[in-house]
All heavy atoms as atom14 arrays in JSON, in Angstrom:
{
  "sequence": "MGMVLRGIFLGRPSEVDWFLEGIARFFPDA",
  "atom14_mask": [
    [1, 1, 1, 1, 1, 1, 1, 1, 0, 0, 0, 0, 0, 0],
    [1, 1, 1, 1, 0, 0, 0, 0, 0, 0, 0, 0, 0, 0],
    [1, 1, 1, 1, 1, 1, 1, 1, 0, 0, 0, 0, 0, 0],
    [1, 1, 1, 1, 1, 1, 1, 0, 0, 0, 0, 0, 0, 0],
    [1, 1, 1, 1, 1, 1, 1, 1, 0, 0, 0, 0, 0, 0],
    [1, 1, 1, 1, 1, 1, 1, 1, 1, 1, 1, 0, 0, 0],
    [1, 1, 1, 1, 0, 0, 0, 0, 0, 0, 0, 0, 0, 0],
    [1, 1, 1, 1, 1, 1, 1, 1, 0, 0, 0, 0, 0, 0],
    [1, 1, 1, 1, 1, 1, 1, 1, 1, 1, 1, 0, 0, 0],
    [1, 1, 1, 1, 1, 1, 1, 1, 0, 0, 0, 0, 0, 0],
    [1, 1, 1, 1, 0, 0, 0, 0, 0, 0, 0, 0, 0, 0],
    [1, 1, 1, 1, 1, 1, 1, 1, 1, 1, 1, 0, 0, 0],
    [1, 1, 1, 1, 1, 1, 1, 0, 0, 0, 0, 0, 0, 0],
    [1, 1, 1, 1, 1, 1, 0, 0, 0, 0, 0, 0, 0, 0],
    [1, 1, 1, 1, 1, 1, 1, 1, 1, 0, 0, 0, 0, 0],
    [1, 1, 1, 1, 1, 1, 1, 0, 0, 0, 0, 0, 0, 0],
    [1, 1, 1, 1, 1, 1, 1, 1, 0, 0, 0, 0, 0, 0],
    [1, 1, 1, 1, 1, 1, 1, 1, 1, 1, 1, 1, 1, 1],
    [1, 1, 1, 1, 1, 1, 1, 1, 1, 1, 1, 0, 0, 0],
    [1, 1, 1, 1, 1, 1, 1, 1, 0, 0, 0, 0, 0, 0],
    [1, 1, 1, 1, 1, 1, 1, 1, 1, 0, 0, 0, 0, 0],
    [1, 1, 1, 1, 0, 0, 0, 0, 0, 0, 0, 0, 0, 0],
    [1, 1, 1, 1, 1, 1, 1, 1, 0, 0, 0, 0, 0, 0],
    [1, 1, 1, 1, 1, 0, 0, 0, 0, 0, 0, 0, 0, 0],
    [1, 1, 1, 1, 1, 1, 1, 1, 1, 1, 1, 0, 0, 0],
    [1, 1, 1, 1, 1, 1, 1, 1, 1, 1, 1, 0, 0, 0],
    [1, 1, 1, 1, 1, 1, 1, 1, 1, 1, 1, 0, 0, 0],
    [1, 1, 1, 1, 1, 1, 1, 0, 0, 0, 0, 0, 0, 0],
    [1, 1, 1, 1, 1, 1, 1, 1, 0, 0, 0, 0, 0, 0],
    [1, 1, 1, 1, 1, 0, 0, 0, 0, 0, 0, 0, 0, 0]
  ],
  "atom14_positions": [
    [[0.82, -1.21, 0.0], [0.0, 0.0, 0.0], [0.86, 1.27, 0.0], [0.39, 2.36, -0.32], [-0.93, 0.0, 1.21], [-0.25, 0.14, 2.55], [-1.41, 0.21, 3.95], [-1.97, -1.48, 4.05], [0.0, 0.0, 0.0], [0.0, 0.0, 0.0], [0.0, 0.0, 0.0], [0.0, 0.0, 0.0], [0.0, 0.0, 0.0], [0.0, 0.0, 0.0]],
    [[2.11, 1.17, 0.39], [3.01, 2.31, 0.46], [4.33, 1.89, 1.05], [4.48, 0.75, 1.53], [0.0, 0.0, 0.0], [0.0, 0.0, 0.0], [0.0, 0.0, 0.0], [0.0, 0.0, 0.0], [0.0, 0.0, 0.0], [0.0, 0.0, 0.0], [0.0, 0.0, 0.0], [0.0, 0.0, 0.0], [0.0, 0.0, 0.0], [0.0, 0.0, 0.0]],
    [[5.3, 2.81, 1.06], [6.63, 2.49, 1.55], [7.24, 3.69, 2.25], [7.07, 4.83, 1.82], [7.52, 2.01, 0.39], [6.97, 0.83, -0.35], [7.81, 0.47, -1.93], [9.31, -0.25, -1.32], [0.0, 0.0, 0.0], [0.0, 0.0, 0.0], [0.0, 0.0, 0.0], [0.0, 0.0, 0.0], [0.0, 0.0, 0.0], [0.0, 0.0, 0.0]],
    [[8.01, 3.41, 3.32], [8.85, 4.41, 3.97], [10.25, 3.82, 4.01], [10.48, 2.79, 4.66], [8.36, 4.73, 5.41], [9.31, 5.71, 6.09], [6.93, 5.28, 5.38], [0.0, 0.0, 0.0], [0.0, 0.0, 0.0], [0.0, 0.0, 0.0], [0.0, 0.0, 0.0], [0.0, 0.0, 0.0], [0.0, 0.0, 0.0], [0.0, 0.0, 0.0]],
    [[11.18, 4.45, 3.29], [12.49, 3.91, 3.11], [13.55, 4.9, 3.59], [13.38, 6.12, 3.46], [12.76, 3.57, 1.63], [11.71, 2.67, 0.96], [12.08, 2.43, -0.5], [11.58, 1.34, 1.71], [0.0, 0.0, 0.0], [0.0, 0.0, 0.0], [0.0, 0.0, 0.0], [0.0, 0.0, 0.0], [0.0, 0.0, 0.0], [0.0, 0.0, 0.0]],
    [[14.66, 4.36, 4.07], [15.73, 5.21, 4.64], [17.11, 4.68, 4.23], [17.29, 3.48, 4.12], [15.58, 5.2, 6.17], [16.52, 6.05, 6.96], [17.77, 5.31, 7.42], [17.56, 4.01, 7.98], [18.53, 3.13, 8.19], [19.79, 3.38, 7.86], [18.27, 1.92, 8.69], [0.0, 0.0, 0.0], [0.0, 0.0, 0.0], [0.0, 0.0, 0.0]],
    [[18.03, 5.59, 3.98], [19.41, 5.2, 3.66], [19.45, 4.27, 2.47], [19.84, 3.1, 2.59], [0.0, 0.0, 0.0], [0.0, 0.0, 0.0], [0.0, 0.0, 0.0], [0.0, 0.0, 0.0], [0.0, 0.0, 0.0], [0.0, 0.0, 0.0], [0.0, 0.0, 0.0], [0.0, 0.0, 0.0], [0.0, 0.0, 0.0], [0.0, 0.0, 0.0]],
    [[19.1, 4.77, 1.32], [18.8, 3.9, 0.15], [20.05, 3.17, -0.35], [21.11, 3.76, -0.57], [18.2, 4.74, -1.0], [16.92, 5.42, -0.53], [17.95, 3.86, -2.21], [15.84, 4.5, 0.0], [0.0, 0.0, 0.0], [0.0, 0.0, 0.0], [0.0, 0.0, 0.0], [0.0, 0.0, 0.0], [0.0, 0.0, 0.0], [0.0, 0.0, 0.0]],
    [[19.86, 1.85, -0.54], [20.89, 0.99, -1.11], [20.25, 0.21, -2.24], [19.3, -0.54, -2.03], [21.43, 0.03, -0.04], [22.49, -0.92, -0.53], [23.69, -0.46, -1.04], [22.27, -2.29, -0.48], [24.67, -1.34, -1.49], [23.23, -3.19, -0.93], [24.43, -2.7, -1.44], [0.0, 0.0, 0.0], [0.0, 0.0, 0.0], [0.0, 0.0, 0.0]],
    [[20.75, 0.42, -3.47], [20.18, -0.22, -4.64], [20.94, -1.46, -5.06], [20.59, -2.12, -6.05], [20.11, 0.78, -5.8], [19.22, 2.03, -5.55], [19.34, 3.0, -6.69], [17.78, 1.62, -5.32], [0.0, 0.0, 0.0], [0.0, 0.0, 0.0], [0.0, 0.0, 0.0], [0.0, 0.0, 0.0], [0.0, 0.0, 0.0], [0.0, 0.0, 0.0]],
    [[22.0, -1.81, -4.33], [22.74, -3.03, -4.59], [23.57, -3.0, -5.85], [23.93, -4.06, -6.38], [0.0, 0.0, 0.0], [0.0, 0.0, 0.0], [0.0, 0.0, 0.0], [0.0, 0.0, 0.0], [0.0, 0.0, 0.0], [0.0, 0.0, 0.0], [0.0, 0.0, 0.0], [0.0, 0.0, 0.0], [0.0, 0.0, 0.0], [0.0, 0.0, 0.0]],
    [[23.92, -1.81, -6.36], [24.74, -1.73, -7.56], [26.21, -1.98, -7.25], [26.67, -1.71, -6.13], [24.55, -0.33, -8.19], [23.13, -0.06, -8.62], [22.91, 1.32, -9.16], [22.99, 2.34, -8.14], [22.65, 3.62, -8.33], [22.19, 4.01, -9.5], [22.77, 4.5, -7.34], [0.0, 0.0, 0.0], [0.0, 0.0, 0.0], [0.0, 0.0, 0.0]],
    [[26.96, -2.49, -8.21], [28.4, -2.74, -7.95], [29.14, -1.52, -7.43], [30.01, -1.66, -6.56], [28.92, -3.17, -9.32], [27.74, -3.78, -10.0], [26.57, -2.96, -9.54], [0.0, 0.0, 0.0], [0.0, 0.0, 0.0], [0.0, 0.0, 0.0], [0.0, 0.0, 0.0], [0.0, 0.0, 0.0], [0.0, 0.0, 0.0], [0.0, 0.0, 0.0]],
    [[28.78, -0.33, -7.9], [29.46, 0.88, -7.43], [29.21, 1.12, -5.95], [30.08, 1.65, -5.24], [28.99, 2.08, -8.24], [27.57, 2.28, -8.1], [0.0, 0.0, 0.0], [0.0, 0.0, 0.0], [0.0, 0.0, 0.0], [0.0, 0.0, 0.0], [0.0, 0.0, 0.0], [0.0, 0.0, 0.0], [0.0, 0.0, 0.0], [0.0, 0.0, 0.0]],
    [[28.04, 0.71, -5.44], [27.73, 0.9, -4.04], [28.49, -0.08, -3.17], [28.94, 0.27, -2.07], [26.21, 0.75, -3.82], [25.4, 1.85, -4.48], [23.93, 1.55, -4.5], [23.49, 0.77, -5.37], [23.2, 2.09, -3.65], [0.0, 0.0, 0.0], [0.0, 0.0, 0.0], [0.0, 0.0, 0.0], [0.0, 0.0, 0.0], [0.0, 0.0, 0.0]],
    [[28.66, -1.31, -3.65], [29.47, -2.31, -2.93], [30.92, -1.87, -2.92], [31.61, -1.93, -1.89], [29.3, -3.7, -3.56], [30.24, -4.69, -2.89], [27.84, -4.17, -3.45], [0.0, 0.0, 0.0], [0.0, 0.0, 0.0], [0.0, 0.0, 0.0], [0.0, 0.0, 0.0], [0.0, 0.0, 0.0], [0.0, 0.0, 0.0], [0.0, 0.0, 0.0]],
    [[31.42, -1.38, -4.05], [32.81, -0.89, -4.13], [33.01, 0.25, -3.18], [34.08, 0.38, -2.52], [33.15, -0.45, -5.55], [33.27, -1.61, -6.52], [33.37, -2.76, -6.07], [33.22, -1.37, -7.75], [0.0, 0.0, 0.0], [0.0, 0.0, 0.0], [0.0, 0.0, 0.0], [0.0, 0.0, 0.0], [0.0, 0.0, 0.0], [0.0, 0.0, 0.0]],
    [[32.04, 1.13, -3.05], [32.14, 2.25, -2.12], [32.28, 1.75, -0.69], [33.12, 2.21, 0.07], [30.92, 3.16, -2.22], [30.93, 4.23, -1.15], [30.32, 4.17, 0.05], [31.66, 5.45, -1.19], [30.58, 5.31, 0.78], [31.43, 6.1, 0.05], [32.49, 6.06, -2.11], [31.97, 7.34, 0.35], [33.03, 7.31, -1.82], [32.78, 7.93, -0.59]],
    [[31.44, 0.76, -0.32], [31.5, 0.24, 1.05], [32.85, -0.37, 1.34], [33.41, -0.2, 2.42], [30.39, -0.8, 1.23], [30.39, -1.45, 2.59], [29.73, -0.83, 3.66], [31.02, -2.65, 2.81], [29.72, -1.43, 4.92], [31.03, -3.25, 4.06], [30.38, -2.62, 5.13], [0.0, 0.0, 0.0], [0.0, 0.0, 0.0], [0.0, 0.0, 0.0]],
    [[33.4, -1.12, 0.39], [34.64, -1.84, 0.61], [35.89, -0.94, 0.49], [36.9, -1.23, 1.13], [34.75, -3.0, -0.35], [33.74, -4.13, -0.16], [33.81, -5.12, -1.31], [33.98, -4.85, 1.17], [0.0, 0.0, 0.0], [0.0, 0.0, 0.0], [0.0, 0.0, 0.0], [0.0, 0.0, 0.0], [0.0, 0.0, 0.0], [0.0, 0.0, 0.0]],
    [[35.82, 0.09, -0.34], [37.01, 0.9, -0.61], [36.77, 2.39, -0.45], [37.59, 3.11, 0.12], [37.55, 0.61, -2.02], [37.92, -0.85, -2.24], [39.13, -1.31, -1.43], [39.87, -0.44, -0.91], [39.34, -2.53, -1.32], [0.0, 0.0, 0.0], [0.0, 0.0, 0.0], [0.0, 0.0, 0.0], [0.0, 0.0, 0.0], [0.0, 0.0, 0.0]],
    [[35.67, 2.88, -1.0], [35.45, 4.33, -1.08], [35.37, 5.03, 0.27], [35.79, 6.17, 0.42], [0.0, 0.0, 0.0], [0.0, 0.0, 0.0], [0.0, 0.0, 0.0], [0.0, 0.0, 0.0], [0.0, 0.0, 0.0], [0.0, 0.0, 0.0], [0.0, 0.0, 0.0], [0.0, 0.0, 0.0], [0.0, 0.0, 0.0], [0.0, 0.0, 0.0]],
    [[34.79, 4.33, 1.26], [34.64, 4.93, 2.6], [35.98, 5.37, 3.17], [36.06, 6.28, 4.01], [33.92, 3.96, 3.54], [32.46, 3.76, 3.12], [33.95, 4.44, 5.0], [31.7, 2.77, 3.99], [0.0, 0.0, 0.0], [0.0, 0.0, 0.0], [0.0, 0.0, 0.0], [0.0, 0.0, 0.0], [0.0, 0.0, 0.0], [0.0, 0.0, 0.0]],
    [[37.07, 4.73, 2.7], [38.42, 5.08, 3.22], [38.73, 6.55, 3.02], [39.57, 7.1, 3.75], [39.47, 4.23, 2.52], [0.0, 0.0, 0.0], [0.0, 0.0, 0.0], [0.0, 0.0, 0.0], [0.0, 0.0, 0.0], [0.0, 0.0, 0.0], [0.0, 0.0, 0.0], [0.0, 0.0, 0.0], [0.0, 0.0, 0.0], [0.0, 0.0, 0.0]],
    [[38.09, 7.21, 2.08], [38.36, 8.63, 1.86], [37.88, 9.48, 3.04], [38.41, 10.57, 3.29], [37.66, 9.11, 0.58], [38.08, 8.35, -0.66], [37.28, 8.83, -1.86], [37.48, 7.93, -3.0], [36.85, 8.07, -4.16], [36.0, 9.05, -4.33], [37.06, 7.21, -5.15], [0.0, 0.0, 0.0], [0.0, 0.0, 0.0], [0.0, 0.0, 0.0]],
    [[36.88, 9.01, 3.76], [36.31, 9.76, 4.88], [36.58, 9.11, 6.22], [36.62, 9.79, 7.24], [34.79, 9.93, 4.66], [34.45, 10.79, 3.49], [34.28, 10.25, 2.24], [34.33, 12.17, 3.64], [33.98, 11.04, 1.14], [34.02, 12.97, 2.55], [33.85, 12.42, 1.3], [0.0, 0.0, 0.0], [0.0, 0.0, 0.0], [0.0, 0.0, 0.0]],
    [[36.72, 7.77, 6.24], [37.03, 7.05, 7.45], [38.29, 6.22, 7.24], [38.24, 4.97, 7.3], [35.83, 6.15, 7.85], [34.65, 6.88, 8.41], [33.66, 7.33, 7.59], [34.53, 7.11, 9.78], [32.55, 7.98, 8.08], [33.43, 7.78, 10.3], [32.45, 8.23, 9.44], [0.0, 0.0, 0.0], [0.0, 0.0, 0.0], [0.0, 0.0, 0.0]],
    [[39.44, 6.87, 7.0], [40.65, 6.1, 6.74], [41.08, 5.25, 7.93], [41.65, 4.17, 7.73], [41.7, 7.17, 6.44], [41.16, 8.42, 7.07], [39.68, 8.32, 6.97], [0.0, 0.0, 0.0], [0.0, 0.0, 0.0], [0.0, 0.0, 0.0], [0.0, 0.0, 0.0], [0.0, 0.0, 0.0], [0.0, 0.0, 0.0], [0.0, 0.0, 0.0]],
    [[40.77, 5.69, 9.14], [41.17, 4.92, 10.32], [40.33, 3.65, 10.43], [40.87, 2.56, 10.68], [41.05, 5.78, 11.58], [39.73, 6.55, 11.65], [38.97, 6.58, 10.65], [39.46, 7.18, 12.71], [0.0, 0.0, 0.0], [0.0, 0.0, 0.0], [0.0, 0.0, 0.0], [0.0, 0.0, 0.0], [0.0, 0.0, 0.0], [0.0, 0.0, 0.0]],
    [[39.02, 3.78, 10.24], [38.15, 2.59, 10.3], [38.49, 1.62, 9.18], [38.51, 0.39, 9.37], [36.69, 3.0, 10.23], [0.0, 0.0, 0.0], [0.0, 0.0, 0.0], [0.0, 0.0, 0.0], [0.0, 0.0, 0.0], [0.0, 0.0, 0.0], [0.0, 0.0, 0.0], [0.0, 0.0, 0.0], [0.0, 0.0, 0.0], [0.0, 0.0, 0.0]]
  ]
}
């Protein structure tokens, strides 16, 4: 009947690559 969505993840390869590598640009320590 409807949807309420948060923090959208579409499962694209670019999004997985970001999680595994790209975040290092902002959280290099983590």
